[in-house]
Protein backbone atom coordinates (compact mmCIF):
# COMPACT_ATOMS: atom_id res chain seq x y z
CA MET A 1 10.57 123.72 -10.39
CA SER A 2 9.61 120.45 -12.07
CA VAL A 3 11.56 117.27 -12.73
CA PHE A 4 12.02 116.11 -16.33
CA VAL A 5 13.73 113.08 -17.83
CA VAL A 6 15.30 113.28 -21.28
CA VAL A 7 16.20 109.92 -22.84
CA GLY A 8 18.94 110.21 -25.45
CA ALA A 9 22.00 112.48 -25.47
CA GLY A 10 22.19 113.25 -29.19
CA PRO A 11 21.97 116.82 -30.53
CA VAL A 12 18.23 117.09 -29.86
CA GLY A 13 18.32 115.44 -26.44
CA ARG A 14 21.14 117.68 -25.26
CA ALA A 15 19.44 120.82 -26.58
CA THR A 16 16.17 119.83 -24.92
CA ALA A 17 17.93 119.27 -21.61
CA ARG A 18 19.63 122.66 -21.85
CA ILE A 19 16.35 124.49 -22.45
CA LEU A 20 14.65 122.79 -19.51
CA ALA A 21 17.61 123.46 -17.19
CA LYS A 22 17.77 127.09 -18.28
CA ASP A 23 14.10 127.40 -17.34
CA GLY A 24 15.05 126.35 -13.81
CA HIS A 25 13.90 122.72 -13.86
CA GLU A 26 15.69 119.64 -12.58
CA VAL A 27 16.76 117.67 -15.63
CA ARG A 28 17.97 114.06 -15.71
CA LEU A 29 19.58 113.12 -19.02
CA VAL A 30 19.69 109.37 -19.59
CA SER A 31 21.92 107.71 -22.18
CA ARG A 32 24.16 104.69 -22.49
CA SER A 33 27.22 106.93 -22.25
CA GLY A 34 25.97 108.94 -19.29
CA THR A 35 27.13 112.26 -20.75
CA ALA A 36 25.53 115.68 -20.20
CA PRO A 37 25.97 119.05 -21.95
CA ASP A 38 26.85 120.99 -18.78
CA GLY A 39 26.74 120.93 -14.99
CA ALA A 40 23.14 122.12 -14.83
CA VAL A 41 21.98 118.74 -16.18
CA ALA A 42 22.37 115.52 -14.21
CA ALA A 43 23.67 112.66 -16.36
CA PHE A 44 22.78 108.99 -15.88
CA ALA A 45 24.23 106.00 -17.73
CA LEU A 46 21.46 103.51 -18.47
CA ASP A 47 20.10 101.40 -21.31
CA ALA A 48 16.60 102.80 -21.89
CA ARG A 49 15.26 99.28 -22.38
CA ASP A 50 15.53 98.96 -18.60
CA ALA A 51 12.09 100.30 -17.65
CA ASP A 52 12.56 99.70 -13.91
CA GLY A 53 15.90 101.47 -13.90
CA LEU A 54 14.50 104.36 -15.90
CA ALA A 55 11.57 104.65 -13.48
CA ARG A 56 13.97 104.80 -10.54
CA ILE A 57 16.00 107.55 -12.18
CA GLY A 58 12.82 109.40 -13.10
CA ALA A 59 11.22 109.38 -9.66
CA GLY A 60 9.01 112.46 -9.37
CA ALA A 61 9.26 113.33 -13.08
CA GLU A 62 6.48 115.34 -14.66
CA ALA A 63 7.33 114.21 -18.19
CA ILE A 64 9.70 111.96 -20.11
CA PHE A 65 11.14 113.06 -23.44
CA MET A 66 11.91 110.10 -25.70
CA CYS A 67 14.79 111.44 -27.82
CA ALA A 68 16.87 108.27 -28.09
CA MET A 69 18.13 107.27 -31.52
CA ALA A 70 18.80 103.69 -32.60
CA PRO A 71 21.55 103.04 -35.18
CA TYR A 72 20.07 103.69 -38.61
CA THR A 73 20.95 100.18 -39.74
CA ARG A 74 19.14 98.54 -36.81
CA TRP A 75 15.86 100.38 -36.40
CA PRO A 76 13.59 97.29 -36.63
CA THR A 77 15.51 95.44 -33.92
CA ASP A 78 16.71 98.23 -31.61
CA PHE A 79 13.95 100.86 -31.58
CA PRO A 80 10.98 98.75 -30.35
CA PRO A 81 12.58 97.66 -27.04
CA ILE A 82 13.79 101.21 -26.38
CA MET A 83 10.29 102.57 -26.95
CA GLU A 84 8.85 99.80 -24.79
CA GLY A 85 11.18 100.63 -21.93
CA VAL A 86 10.43 104.35 -22.09
CA ALA A 87 6.66 103.84 -22.36
CA GLU A 88 6.63 101.37 -19.46
CA ALA A 89 8.69 103.75 -17.32
CA ALA A 90 6.28 106.59 -18.11
CA GLN A 91 3.38 104.36 -17.03
CA LYS A 92 5.12 103.47 -13.76
CA LEU A 93 5.78 107.14 -13.04
CA GLN A 94 2.47 108.40 -14.45
CA ALA A 95 4.56 110.95 -16.33
CA ARG A 96 3.55 112.57 -19.59
CA LEU A 97 5.35 111.14 -22.62
CA VAL A 98 6.74 113.34 -25.39
CA VAL A 99 8.15 111.36 -28.32
CA LEU A 100 10.57 112.62 -30.95
CA GLY A 101 9.54 111.20 -34.33
CA ASN A 102 9.85 112.08 -38.00
CA VAL A 103 7.86 112.18 -41.23
CA TYR A 104 8.63 108.64 -42.39
CA GLY A 105 5.28 107.36 -41.18
CA TYR A 106 3.33 109.35 -43.79
CA GLY A 107 4.68 107.17 -46.58
CA SER A 108 5.52 107.73 -50.23
CA GLU A 109 1.90 108.32 -51.27
CA ALA A 110 1.31 111.20 -48.86
CA LYS A 111 0.39 114.49 -50.45
CA SER A 112 2.67 117.46 -49.93
CA PRO A 113 2.49 119.64 -47.92
CA LEU A 114 2.46 117.26 -44.95
CA THR A 115 0.31 118.20 -41.99
CA SER A 116 0.20 116.84 -38.45
CA SER A 117 -3.25 115.38 -39.03
CA ALA A 118 -2.42 113.62 -42.31
CA PRO A 119 -3.02 109.85 -42.10
CA LEU A 120 -0.05 107.60 -41.34
CA ALA A 121 0.43 105.12 -44.19
CA PRO A 122 4.07 103.97 -44.12
CA THR A 123 5.57 102.42 -47.23
CA SER A 124 9.03 101.65 -45.83
CA VAL A 125 10.45 99.46 -43.08
CA LYS A 126 11.60 102.51 -41.16
CA GLY A 127 8.24 104.21 -41.58
CA ARG A 128 6.50 101.17 -40.11
CA VAL A 129 8.92 101.19 -37.17
CA ARG A 130 8.13 104.84 -36.47
CA VAL A 131 4.37 104.26 -36.64
CA ALA A 132 4.67 101.29 -34.28
CA MET A 133 6.60 103.44 -31.81
CA TRP A 134 3.90 106.09 -31.86
CA ASP A 135 1.23 103.41 -31.43
CA ARG A 136 3.08 102.13 -28.35
CA ALA A 137 3.30 105.62 -26.91
CA ARG A 138 -0.42 106.16 -27.42
CA SER A 139 -1.21 102.83 -25.77
CA ALA A 140 0.61 103.88 -22.61
CA ARG A 141 -1.75 104.84 -19.81
CA VAL A 142 -0.38 108.39 -19.76
CA PRO A 143 -0.86 111.46 -21.96
CA ALA A 144 1.38 111.22 -25.04
CA LEU A 145 2.42 113.59 -27.84
CA GLU A 146 4.71 113.12 -30.84
CA VAL A 147 6.88 115.82 -32.39
CA ARG A 148 7.78 115.04 -36.03
CA ALA A 149 10.81 116.45 -37.81
CA SER A 150 12.22 116.31 -41.34
CA ASP A 151 15.94 116.05 -42.25
CA TYR A 152 18.16 117.65 -39.64
CA LEU A 153 20.52 120.58 -39.93
CA GLY A 154 22.52 121.85 -36.96
CA GLU A 155 25.67 121.02 -35.04
CA GLY A 156 26.14 117.26 -34.95
CA ALA A 157 23.08 116.64 -37.13
CA GLY A 158 22.94 113.42 -39.08
CA SER A 159 21.02 113.33 -42.36
CA LEU A 160 21.58 112.15 -45.90
CA PHE A 161 22.82 115.62 -46.84
CA THR A 162 25.15 116.14 -43.86
CA LEU A 163 26.62 112.64 -44.06
CA MET A 164 26.87 111.98 -47.80
CA THR A 165 27.07 115.40 -49.47
CA LEU A 166 28.40 117.99 -47.05
CA PRO A 167 31.91 116.67 -46.24
CA SER A 168 32.98 116.59 -49.90
CA LEU A 169 31.20 119.89 -50.56
CA LEU A 170 33.19 121.68 -47.85
CA ALA A 171 36.42 120.10 -49.09
CA GLY A 172 35.83 121.47 -52.58
CA LYS A 173 35.45 117.98 -54.04
CA PRO A 174 32.65 116.51 -56.19
CA ALA A 175 29.76 115.86 -53.79
CA MET A 176 27.32 112.99 -54.19
CA VAL A 177 23.58 113.67 -54.09
CA SER A 178 20.49 111.57 -54.68
CA GLY A 179 17.04 112.55 -55.91
CA ASP A 180 15.75 115.67 -57.64
CA LEU A 181 18.25 118.48 -57.09
CA ASP A 182 15.59 121.13 -57.58
CA ALA A 183 12.72 119.68 -55.54
CA ARG A 184 11.90 121.77 -52.45
CA HIS A 185 12.67 119.87 -49.27
CA ALA A 186 11.99 120.55 -45.58
CA TRP A 187 15.08 121.10 -43.42
CA THR A 188 14.60 121.01 -39.66
CA PHE A 189 16.95 122.69 -37.18
CA THR A 190 17.89 120.49 -34.21
CA ARG A 191 17.47 123.43 -31.83
CA ASP A 192 13.98 124.11 -33.23
CA VAL A 193 13.14 120.46 -32.58
CA ALA A 194 14.17 120.87 -28.95
CA ARG A 195 12.14 124.07 -28.59
CA THR A 196 9.12 122.30 -30.06
CA LEU A 197 9.50 119.33 -27.70
CA VAL A 198 9.62 121.59 -24.66
CA ALA A 199 6.67 123.69 -25.88
CA ALA A 200 4.67 120.52 -26.64
CA SER A 201 5.22 119.26 -23.10
CA ARG A 202 3.34 122.35 -21.88
CA TYR A 203 0.45 121.96 -24.32
CA THR A 204 -2.87 122.43 -22.52
CA GLY A 205 -5.08 121.03 -25.28
CA GLU A 206 -5.98 117.42 -25.91
CA TRP A 207 -2.99 115.07 -26.07
CA GLY A 208 -2.70 111.92 -28.20
CA ARG A 209 -1.78 114.06 -31.21
CA ALA A 210 1.30 115.08 -33.18
CA PHE A 211 3.02 118.36 -33.98
CA LEU A 212 5.29 118.99 -36.95
CA VAL A 213 8.43 121.02 -36.32
CA PRO A 214 8.38 124.32 -38.26
CA SER A 215 11.09 123.99 -40.93
CA GLN A 216 12.70 125.86 -43.79
CA HIS A 217 12.38 124.69 -47.39
CA SER A 218 15.11 124.64 -50.00
CA SER A 219 16.19 122.47 -52.89
CA VAL A 220 19.38 120.46 -52.42
CA ARG A 221 21.00 122.55 -55.15
CA SER A 222 20.19 125.82 -53.39
CA LEU A 223 21.14 124.45 -49.98
CA ALA A 224 24.51 123.27 -51.25
CA ALA A 225 25.20 126.63 -52.85
CA ARG A 226 24.41 128.48 -49.62
CA PHE A 227 26.55 126.12 -47.54
CA SER A 228 29.48 126.72 -49.90
CA GLU A 229 28.97 130.47 -49.81
CA LEU A 230 28.79 130.72 -46.01
CA ALA A 231 31.69 128.31 -45.51
CA GLY A 232 33.89 130.06 -48.07
CA ALA A 233 34.15 126.85 -50.08
CA PRO A 234 34.28 126.57 -53.89
CA ALA A 235 31.03 126.50 -55.84
CA PRO A 236 29.37 123.09 -55.51
CA ASP A 237 30.17 120.31 -57.95
CA LEU A 238 27.18 118.04 -57.36
CA GLN A 239 27.34 114.53 -58.74
CA MET A 240 23.90 112.97 -59.18
CA LEU A 241 23.65 109.31 -58.17
CA THR A 242 21.23 107.11 -60.03
CA GLU A 243 19.11 104.64 -58.08
CA GLN A 244 21.22 101.85 -59.55
CA GLU A 245 24.45 103.50 -58.36
CA LEU A 246 23.00 104.01 -54.90
CA GLU A 247 22.00 100.37 -54.68
CA ALA A 248 25.44 99.30 -55.91
CA MET A 249 27.11 101.37 -53.18
CA GLY A 250 24.89 99.65 -50.65
CA ARG A 251 26.36 96.27 -51.51
CA ASP A 252 29.60 97.29 -49.80
CA ASP A 253 28.35 99.84 -47.27
CA GLU A 254 25.88 98.97 -44.53
CA LEU A 255 24.62 102.53 -44.09
CA MET A 256 24.23 103.20 -47.81
CA ARG A 257 22.20 99.99 -48.02
CA GLU A 258 19.52 101.67 -45.90
CA LEU A 259 19.03 104.71 -48.13
CA PRO A 260 17.16 103.51 -51.24
CA GLU A 261 13.88 102.79 -49.41
CA MET A 262 13.75 106.42 -48.25
CA GLY A 263 14.69 107.81 -51.67
CA TYR A 264 11.11 108.91 -52.36
CA LEU A 265 11.59 111.78 -49.93
CA TYR A 266 14.11 113.35 -52.32
CA ARG A 267 12.57 112.53 -55.70
CA SER A 268 9.67 114.97 -55.25
CA PRO A 269 8.89 117.98 -53.05
CA CYS A 270 8.74 117.30 -49.31
CA ILE A 271 6.98 120.26 -47.73
CA ILE A 272 5.95 120.60 -44.07
CA GLU A 273 2.92 122.69 -43.14
CA ALA A 274 3.33 123.43 -39.43
CA SER A 275 1.00 126.39 -38.91
CA ASP A 276 -0.76 124.60 -36.03
CA THR A 277 2.58 124.27 -34.22
CA GLU A 278 3.23 127.96 -34.73
CA ARG A 279 -0.26 128.89 -33.57
CA LEU A 280 -0.69 126.49 -30.64
CA LEU A 281 2.89 126.22 -29.36
CA GLY A 282 4.34 129.57 -30.40
CA ILE A 283 7.27 128.01 -32.27
CA SER A 284 8.55 129.26 -35.62
CA ALA A 285 11.44 128.06 -37.76
CA SER A 286 14.88 129.60 -37.45
CA SER A 287 16.35 131.07 -40.62
CA LEU A 288 18.10 128.75 -43.03
CA ASP A 289 21.34 130.71 -42.58
CA THR A 290 21.13 130.14 -38.82
CA MET A 291 20.74 126.41 -39.40
CA ILE A 292 23.69 126.36 -41.81
CA MET A 293 26.01 128.33 -39.56
CA ASP A 294 25.21 126.07 -36.62
CA THR A 295 25.91 123.01 -38.78
CA LEU A 296 29.30 124.49 -39.68
CA ARG A 297 30.14 125.39 -36.09
CA LYS A 298 33.11 123.65 -34.50
CA ASP A 299 33.87 123.82 -30.81
């Protein structure tokens, strides 16, 4: 049995903790709220910026999983100190560091399909934040890996689609969408992210690299239609937002204000090529229907 620390109790952090506990390991889940998914996981309430406190909680840990999520509106201010605290704690413990990231760092000029070895060239504020976090992880004096995901589907998942489009869609109301409705887009299952994180922590090759999470690809139009079908909702009535309308909405809504800079991800195909993850880690993507049904699940 090994000891693992998971920082962040969102959908991915909780799923990661469950997998590790099911495998018989001692798991310490750290979050500001101090919540845990079940009794097999020990919960600790701590601000991850507290490197000394995190190191005390993580005594004896083999690896730290950095799954914490800063509020979307405060990435530039809130993410760096969290990453600093986690990286410093990993150094103190000499624990391997597995970081949950995303595809923002590739930038708007990246060619699709995206691969794990594609150069990072961020063109957005959030992309630059993500690249800086990965740079900090790599500068830690411990082995580090990053697992990169696309837009989430799954229970509790937060993405442009689940937050802006899905609620109205399920209510049978006109649903707002942004971008090209027919461009293929990568959708990543939160449980597949967790499985990839755990598999990456066991990787026996050279660290200091990234893995993309195997994902399913579907246009927003097709995804909306399948959600409606599986949920028993009326056929989708999708209302396309222009860039000007999106920017206007942002004048009165703090979250909506953050969306235009990432709009490039939806204006053209966003394809993930994760064959190296499948080959080296043994992880494959769940079916799109599985992702949708989990997103619709209510406890």
